[in-house]
Every structure is written in structure tokens, then in C-alpha cells.
Amino acid sequence: MTEHSAPDAKLATKMTAALATHIGMTGLFDDEKTEQTILVPLPSQADVDQDTPDPNDDLAAELSMLQQKSKSIAIIGSRNIPLPHQQIVEMLAFSLTHNGNRVITSGGSSGTNAAAIRGAMKGNADLLKVILPQTIGQQPSDVQDQLIGIPHIIEHPEWSMMKLADASRLCNREIVDECQQMIILLSHDSPTLHTAIDYANENHKLVTCLYLD
């Protein structure tokens, strides 16, 4: 793990713990974990209209997902993020995989995806899945080096002739399909990532957006 000063480490730890709480991973950084129970009141059968969609269905599904002991969580985002943000992503990915959660991301020589890969590889490499927009051979050499040793890599040679931006949009859609929850770091002028957020919302995924500007 990248060396950093003690103040940065303490700040990153606090922010990572806060983020973990926000996405429902309470207890992730506690020495003693406590089981949380969320009670969802259910209507009686007589009160249910079979022809009317239940507005509580989505909420109940989200609450049920939050109570699961292991989840599939996507971590994607911008390449150009400050070092403290990279430390937060790396620590979060480490903690998630170390506690039995699957982390899904894409390739990247720097920034969000690279930090997620570093952290997850230290936590539990078997729980890391990297989905590439094209093939390993089309990645820059430094990205290829980072992918060495990752057991679960999905390539897409059928997208090789596409522009990278178009292939990245398809890649992000696949990442969203694979996850239950998505954490995304981006700027307000990141159209490809905003498209991923819209797609995730359409598919009723839990999305945590961290804007860099």
C-alpha cells in the first residue's frame, strides 16, 4: 500500500468509515460487529390489491439487500482524483473484500479503478472482478502490469473496434448489471459516468455518488 503521512491516514480512515456507514456497511471498521435488524411492516392480505403495484416493494428490496452479510459492490470513477481520495477508495475496497464482499471495477492505470484494484487485491483477490471495455492487449502497458495476478478478468474482444468511450459505456452497464450497489467518484462534467448512474437508477441499484468538484 502506498505510504502516506499519519494525518492523511487518520483522515482517510475516518472518511472511509463514514462512507461505509453511508452505504450500509455498518460495523465494517469496528473490532466487534453487531447484527443490525430492520423491521419492515407488512400489510395484511385483505389490504393488498393484487392489481396495484406496491410502492413499498423497492424499499423492502433495498432494506433486504442492506441486511445481507455479503454483497457485490461496484467501485468505479474518474482517473484524476487526489491522493487522499485514492487512499479512501483503496481502504474501502480492502475492507469490503476482507469482510467477504465482492468488489467489481474496471481497469485503470491511476485513479478510482486502480485504487479499488490495489485495495481489493490486498483484502481478498478472489473477491475482485475486473471487467475491461476491450481486451488486455489493448490496455496501456502499466494497466497490463496491474492486471497481472488478478484471477477474475472479463475481456470484450467484440468491442475492440469501438471507440474507447463507447466501449466504456457498455463496460459500465455490465458492471452495473453485476452489482447490487455502486460507489462512483466523478466530476459533474463526466458524461460517461453520469450515463452509468442513470442506468443504475433505472435498474434500481443503490448508488453512492461522490463528486470531486
Protein backbone atom coordinates (compact mmCIF):
# COMPACT_ATOMS: atom_id res chain seq x y z
CA MET A 1 0.00 0.00 0.00
CA THR A 2 1.21 3.49 -0.78
CA GLU A 3 2.94 5.11 2.17
CA HIS A 4 1.37 8.29 3.49
CA SER A 5 1.61 10.56 6.48
CA ALA A 6 -0.18 9.79 9.74
CA PRO A 7 -2.66 12.73 9.48
CA ASP A 8 -3.66 11.61 5.96
CA ALA A 9 -4.09 8.05 7.18
CA LYS A 10 -6.32 9.11 10.07
CA LEU A 11 -8.42 11.31 7.80
CA ALA A 12 -8.75 8.56 5.21
CA THR A 13 -9.78 6.06 7.89
CA LYS A 14 -12.47 8.37 9.25
CA MET A 15 -13.83 9.19 5.81
CA THR A 16 -13.78 5.54 4.75
CA ALA A 17 -15.68 4.51 7.88
CA ALA A 18 -18.23 7.27 7.25
CA LEU A 19 -18.65 6.11 3.66
CA ALA A 20 -19.05 2.51 4.77
CA THR A 21 -21.81 3.58 7.16
CA HIS A 22 -23.50 5.57 4.39
CA ILE A 23 -23.65 2.59 2.04
CA GLY A 24 -24.99 0.31 4.73
CA MET A 25 -21.75 -1.43 5.74
CA THR A 26 -22.04 -0.50 9.40
CA GLY A 27 -19.54 -2.21 11.66
CA LEU A 28 -17.04 -2.63 8.83
CA PHE A 29 -14.29 -0.93 10.81
CA ASP A 30 -15.37 -1.98 14.29
CA ASP A 31 -13.49 -4.52 16.36
CA GLU A 32 -16.76 -6.04 17.47
CA LYS A 33 -19.50 -6.23 14.86
CA THR A 34 -23.15 -6.04 15.81
CA GLU A 35 -26.02 -7.52 13.87
CA GLN A 36 -28.50 -4.89 12.71
CA THR A 37 -32.16 -5.71 12.28
CA ILE A 38 -34.54 -3.64 10.20
CA LEU A 39 -38.24 -4.38 10.68
CA VAL A 40 -40.45 -3.71 7.68
CA PRO A 41 -44.19 -3.69 8.48
CA LEU A 42 -46.20 -5.75 6.02
CA PRO A 43 -49.85 -5.10 5.19
CA SER A 44 -52.46 -7.76 5.84
CA GLN A 45 -53.63 -9.83 2.89
CA ALA A 46 -57.01 -8.11 2.96
CA ASP A 47 -55.37 -4.72 2.43
CA VAL A 48 -53.39 -5.80 -0.64
CA ASP A 49 -54.81 -5.05 -4.06
CA GLN A 50 -53.32 -7.67 -6.38
CA ASP A 51 -53.67 -5.36 -9.40
CA THR A 52 -51.95 -2.38 -7.80
CA PRO A 53 -48.12 -2.19 -7.63
CA ASP A 54 -46.90 -1.99 -4.06
CA PRO A 55 -44.84 1.22 -3.63
CA ASN A 56 -43.03 -0.44 -0.72
CA ASP A 57 -41.58 -3.21 -2.91
CA ASP A 58 -38.46 -1.26 -3.93
CA LEU A 59 -37.86 -0.05 -0.37
CA ALA A 60 -38.27 -3.56 1.04
CA ALA A 61 -35.86 -4.92 -1.56
CA GLU A 62 -33.27 -2.26 -0.68
CA LEU A 63 -33.63 -2.90 3.05
CA SER A 64 -33.28 -6.62 2.46
CA MET A 65 -30.12 -6.06 0.43
CA LEU A 66 -28.62 -3.87 3.15
CA GLN A 67 -29.02 -6.70 5.65
CA GLN A 68 -27.13 -9.22 3.53
CA LYS A 69 -23.85 -10.32 5.03
CA SER A 70 -22.06 -10.21 1.67
CA LYS A 71 -22.74 -8.03 -1.33
CA SER A 72 -21.48 -7.29 -4.80
CA ILE A 73 -20.35 -3.67 -4.82
CA ALA A 74 -19.07 -1.81 -7.87
CA ILE A 75 -16.43 0.87 -7.38
CA ILE A 76 -15.74 2.97 -10.47
CA GLY A 77 -14.87 6.57 -11.18
CA SER A 78 -12.58 9.20 -12.56
CA ARG A 79 -8.90 8.70 -13.26
CA ASN A 80 -7.91 12.12 -11.99
CA ILE A 81 -8.62 12.05 -8.26
CA PRO A 82 -6.46 13.42 -5.42
CA LEU A 83 -4.24 11.13 -3.38
CA PRO A 84 -6.47 11.26 -0.24
CA HIS A 85 -9.43 10.07 -2.33
CA GLN A 86 -7.33 7.24 -3.75
CA GLN A 87 -6.42 6.21 -0.19
CA ILE A 88 -10.10 6.19 0.77
CA VAL A 89 -11.03 4.01 -2.21
CA GLU A 90 -8.14 1.64 -1.54
CA MET A 91 -9.01 1.25 2.13
CA LEU A 92 -12.70 0.76 1.35
CA ALA A 93 -12.00 -1.91 -1.29
CA PHE A 94 -9.62 -3.66 1.11
CA SER A 95 -12.20 -3.68 3.92
CA LEU A 96 -15.05 -4.81 1.69
CA THR A 97 -13.22 -7.82 0.28
CA HIS A 98 -11.59 -8.62 3.61
CA ASN A 99 -15.09 -8.90 5.08
CA GLY A 100 -16.38 -11.19 2.34
CA ASN A 101 -17.91 -8.75 -0.14
CA ARG A 102 -17.25 -8.88 -3.88
CA VAL A 103 -15.78 -5.75 -5.48
CA ILE A 104 -16.33 -5.12 -9.19
CA THR A 105 -14.42 -2.47 -11.11
CA SER A 106 -12.72 -1.83 -14.44
CA GLY A 107 -9.11 -1.32 -15.46
CA GLY A 108 -7.12 1.84 -14.93
CA SER A 109 -3.51 2.88 -14.51
CA SER A 110 -4.46 5.51 -11.95
CA GLY A 111 -7.42 6.97 -10.12
CA THR A 112 -10.53 5.27 -8.76
CA ASN A 113 -10.38 1.93 -10.55
CA ALA A 114 -6.67 1.44 -9.89
CA ALA A 115 -7.13 2.20 -6.19
CA ALA A 116 -10.04 -0.24 -5.98
CA ILE A 117 -7.88 -2.94 -7.56
CA ARG A 118 -4.97 -2.33 -5.18
CA GLY A 119 -7.19 -2.46 -2.12
CA ALA A 120 -9.21 -5.49 -3.16
CA MET A 121 -6.08 -7.45 -4.10
CA LYS A 122 -4.77 -6.91 -0.57
CA GLY A 123 -8.13 -7.76 1.03
CA ASN A 124 -9.09 -10.90 -0.91
CA ALA A 125 -8.08 -11.24 -4.56
CA ASP A 126 -10.64 -13.99 -5.15
CA LEU A 127 -13.43 -11.47 -4.45
CA LEU A 128 -12.20 -8.94 -7.03
CA LYS A 129 -13.68 -8.91 -10.52
CA VAL A 130 -12.31 -6.60 -13.22
CA ILE A 131 -14.38 -6.01 -16.35
CA LEU A 132 -12.46 -4.44 -19.24
CA PRO A 133 -14.04 -2.39 -22.02
CA GLN A 134 -11.89 -4.19 -24.57
CA THR A 135 -9.00 -6.69 -24.28
CA ILE A 136 -5.95 -6.86 -22.03
CA GLY A 137 -3.73 -6.39 -25.08
CA GLN A 138 -5.41 -3.07 -25.86
CA GLN A 139 -4.68 -1.68 -22.41
CA PRO A 140 -1.62 0.53 -21.79
CA SER A 141 1.42 -1.34 -20.52
CA ASP A 142 1.06 -0.01 -16.97
CA VAL A 143 -2.55 -1.24 -16.85
CA GLN A 144 -1.47 -4.64 -18.16
CA ASP A 145 1.12 -4.81 -15.38
CA GLN A 146 -1.52 -4.03 -12.77
CA LEU A 147 -3.78 -6.81 -14.07
CA ILE A 148 -1.15 -9.48 -13.50
CA GLY A 149 -2.29 -11.91 -10.82
CA ILE A 150 -5.97 -10.90 -10.84
CA PRO A 151 -7.91 -14.19 -11.05
CA HIS A 152 -11.19 -12.82 -12.41
CA ILE A 153 -10.84 -10.63 -15.51
CA ILE A 154 -13.54 -10.26 -18.16
CA GLU A 155 -12.38 -9.13 -21.61
CA HIS A 156 -14.51 -7.96 -24.53
CA PRO A 157 -12.78 -8.57 -27.85
CA GLU A 158 -16.11 -7.97 -29.61
CA TRP A 159 -15.79 -4.30 -28.62
CA SER A 160 -12.23 -3.97 -29.88
CA MET A 161 -13.14 -1.93 -32.94
CA MET A 162 -15.30 0.55 -30.98
CA LYS A 163 -14.16 3.91 -29.76
CA LEU A 164 -12.97 3.58 -26.18
CA ALA A 165 -15.71 5.92 -24.91
CA ASP A 166 -18.42 3.75 -26.47
CA ALA A 167 -16.84 0.54 -25.19
CA SER A 168 -16.51 2.09 -21.72
CA ARG A 169 -20.23 2.87 -21.64
CA LEU A 170 -21.04 -0.76 -22.43
CA CYS A 171 -18.50 -1.89 -19.83
CA ASN A 172 -20.08 0.29 -17.16
CA ARG A 173 -23.51 -1.13 -17.98
CA GLU A 174 -22.17 -4.64 -17.45
CA ILE A 175 -20.60 -3.60 -14.16
CA VAL A 176 -23.94 -2.18 -13.02
CA ASP A 177 -25.72 -5.38 -14.05
CA GLU A 178 -23.27 -7.43 -11.99
CA CYS A 179 -23.52 -5.38 -8.79
CA GLN A 180 -26.12 -4.76 -6.12
CA GLN A 181 -24.69 -1.41 -5.13
CA MET A 182 -22.41 1.11 -6.81
CA ILE A 183 -19.94 3.65 -5.44
CA ILE A 184 -18.82 6.17 -8.02
CA LEU A 185 -16.36 9.08 -7.81
CA LEU A 186 -16.80 11.66 -10.55
CA SER A 187 -16.99 15.28 -11.61
CA HIS A 188 -20.15 16.98 -12.77
CA ASP A 189 -18.75 17.07 -16.32
CA SER A 190 -18.22 13.29 -16.62
CA PRO A 191 -20.84 12.23 -19.20
CA THR A 192 -19.84 8.56 -19.38
CA LEU A 193 -20.06 8.14 -15.61
CA HIS A 194 -23.35 10.06 -15.43
CA THR A 195 -24.73 7.64 -18.01
CA ALA A 196 -23.73 4.78 -15.69
CA ILE A 197 -25.54 6.46 -12.79
CA ASP A 198 -28.71 6.86 -14.86
CA TYR A 199 -28.56 3.21 -15.90
CA ALA A 200 -28.03 2.10 -12.30
CA ASN A 201 -31.00 4.14 -11.11
CA GLU A 202 -33.18 2.73 -13.88
CA ASN A 203 -32.28 -0.76 -12.66
CA HIS A 204 -32.99 0.10 -9.01
CA LYS A 205 -29.40 -0.22 -7.80
CA LEU A 206 -28.24 1.60 -4.70
CA VAL A 207 -25.88 4.34 -5.86
CA THR A 208 -23.48 6.43 -3.78
CA CYS A 209 -22.06 9.37 -5.76
CA LEU A 210 -19.01 11.26 -4.53
CA TYR A 211 -18.45 14.41 -6.56
CA LEU A 212 -14.95 15.78 -6.87
CA ASP A 213 -15.97 19.34 -7.75
